[in-house]
Protein backbone atom coordinates (compact mmCIF):
# COMPACT_ATOMS: atom_id res chain seq x y z
CA MET A 1 -36.70 -21.62 36.58
CA ALA A 2 -34.24 -22.99 34.03
CA ALA A 3 -30.86 -21.32 33.73
CA LYS A 4 -30.50 -19.03 30.73
CA VAL A 5 -26.73 -18.68 31.15
CA LYS A 6 -24.66 -21.79 31.77
CA LYS A 7 -21.00 -22.65 32.29
CA GLY A 8 -19.16 -22.69 28.96
CA ASP A 9 -21.48 -20.20 27.20
CA ARG A 10 -20.00 -17.35 25.13
CA VAL A 11 -21.34 -14.07 26.54
CA ILE A 12 -20.91 -10.35 25.94
CA VAL A 13 -20.86 -7.78 28.76
CA THR A 14 -23.68 -5.26 28.27
CA ALA A 15 -22.96 -2.80 31.12
CA GLY A 16 -20.21 -1.61 33.41
CA ARG A 17 -16.46 -1.14 33.19
CA ASN A 18 -15.96 -4.06 30.78
CA LYS A 19 -18.88 -3.24 28.45
CA GLY A 20 -18.47 -4.90 25.05
CA ALA A 21 -16.03 -7.56 26.24
CA LYS A 22 -16.71 -11.14 25.14
CA GLY A 23 -15.70 -14.23 27.06
CA GLU A 24 -16.61 -17.68 28.24
CA VAL A 25 -18.58 -18.29 31.44
CA LEU A 26 -16.25 -20.05 33.90
CA LYS A 27 -18.67 -20.30 36.82
CA VAL A 28 -22.32 -19.56 37.59
CA ILE A 29 -23.40 -18.59 41.12
CA PRO A 30 -27.22 -18.96 41.02
CA ALA A 31 -27.74 -18.06 44.69
CA GLU A 32 -26.30 -14.59 44.07
CA ASP A 33 -27.37 -14.23 40.38
CA ARG A 34 -23.74 -13.77 39.38
CA VAL A 35 -21.36 -15.23 36.79
CA VAL A 36 -17.59 -15.35 36.41
CA VAL A 37 -16.50 -14.55 32.85
CA GLN A 38 -13.01 -15.25 31.51
CA GLY A 39 -10.96 -12.05 31.17
CA VAL A 40 -13.73 -9.79 32.51
CA ASN A 41 -13.72 -7.85 35.81
CA VAL A 42 -10.13 -8.81 36.56
CA VAL A 43 -9.06 -7.70 40.05
CA LYS A 44 -5.83 -7.88 42.03
CA ARG A 45 -5.69 -9.19 45.57
CA HIS A 46 -2.79 -9.35 48.02
CA GLN A 47 -2.30 -12.97 49.08
CA ARG A 48 -0.49 -13.83 52.30
CA PRO A 49 2.08 -16.62 51.91
CA SER A 50 1.06 -20.08 53.05
CA GLN A 51 2.78 -23.48 53.10
CA MET A 52 1.45 -24.26 49.61
CA ASP A 53 1.51 -20.80 48.02
CA PRO A 54 4.30 -18.21 48.00
CA GLY A 55 1.82 -15.33 48.18
CA GLY A 56 2.14 -11.98 46.43
CA ILE A 57 -0.30 -10.01 44.28
CA LYS A 58 -2.71 -12.37 42.53
CA THR A 59 -5.04 -11.48 39.65
CA PHE A 60 -8.35 -13.27 39.09
CA GLU A 61 -11.80 -12.71 37.64
CA ALA A 62 -14.41 -11.44 40.10
CA PRO A 63 -18.11 -12.28 39.59
CA ILE A 64 -20.42 -9.85 37.79
CA HIS A 65 -24.20 -9.70 37.94
CA ILE A 66 -26.01 -11.92 35.47
CA SER A 67 -28.14 -8.98 34.25
CA ASN A 68 -24.96 -7.35 32.87
CA VAL A 69 -24.23 -10.17 30.41
CA ALA A 70 -26.02 -11.48 27.33
CA ILE A 71 -25.54 -14.66 25.34
CA VAL A 72 -23.65 -14.21 22.05
CA ASP A 73 -25.73 -15.24 19.03
CA PRO A 74 -24.00 -18.21 17.36
CA ARG A 75 -24.90 -16.88 13.89
CA ASP A 76 -23.73 -13.22 13.94
CA GLY A 77 -21.81 -12.80 17.23
CA LYS A 78 -24.11 -10.10 18.64
CA ALA A 79 -25.98 -10.06 21.96
CA THR A 80 -29.26 -11.96 22.05
CA ARG A 81 -31.99 -12.92 24.46
CA VAL A 82 -32.60 -16.57 25.25
CA GLY A 83 -35.79 -18.53 24.68
CA PHE A 84 -36.79 -22.12 25.37
CA LYS A 85 -38.46 -24.67 23.14
CA THR A 86 -38.85 -28.41 23.14
CA ASP A 87 -37.10 -30.31 20.36
CA GLU A 88 -38.36 -33.36 18.46
CA HIS A 89 -37.08 -35.67 21.23
CA GLY A 90 -39.05 -33.82 23.93
CA ARG A 91 -36.01 -32.15 25.49
CA LYS A 92 -36.13 -28.51 26.56
CA THR A 93 -33.45 -26.58 24.65
CA ARG A 94 -32.29 -22.96 24.60
CA TYR A 95 -32.35 -20.90 21.42
CA ALA A 96 -31.24 -17.41 20.40
CA LYS A 97 -34.27 -15.16 19.96
CA ARG A 98 -32.32 -12.95 17.56
CA SER A 99 -31.71 -15.64 14.92
CA GLY A 100 -33.77 -18.62 16.11
CA GLU A 101 -30.63 -20.77 16.17
CA SER A 102 -30.16 -23.36 18.93
CA ILE A 103 -27.62 -22.53 21.67
CA ASP A 104 -27.49 -26.02 23.21
CA VAL A 105 -25.52 -28.53 21.18
């Protein structure tokens, strides 16, 4: 199945602690159905010092389940579902079902 959410997409969180937050997808983990979104689900971890890193308390984005995010409609900025259609060149492209506007550039 083709990926509905890809790296670089603008998404909105639809459920959980960060509901309503918008951000860019930094990483997609298809094996676990999870995505890492910039500024969402930020956690702190204690890092032991190593030769390269001084250690301390580090903050980073933890992955969230892909079902808890939705693509942001390029036209009005609200959450939308994603559909697929073939363009005039025969390529399969994603589009926002809310407005019909193309997501892929």
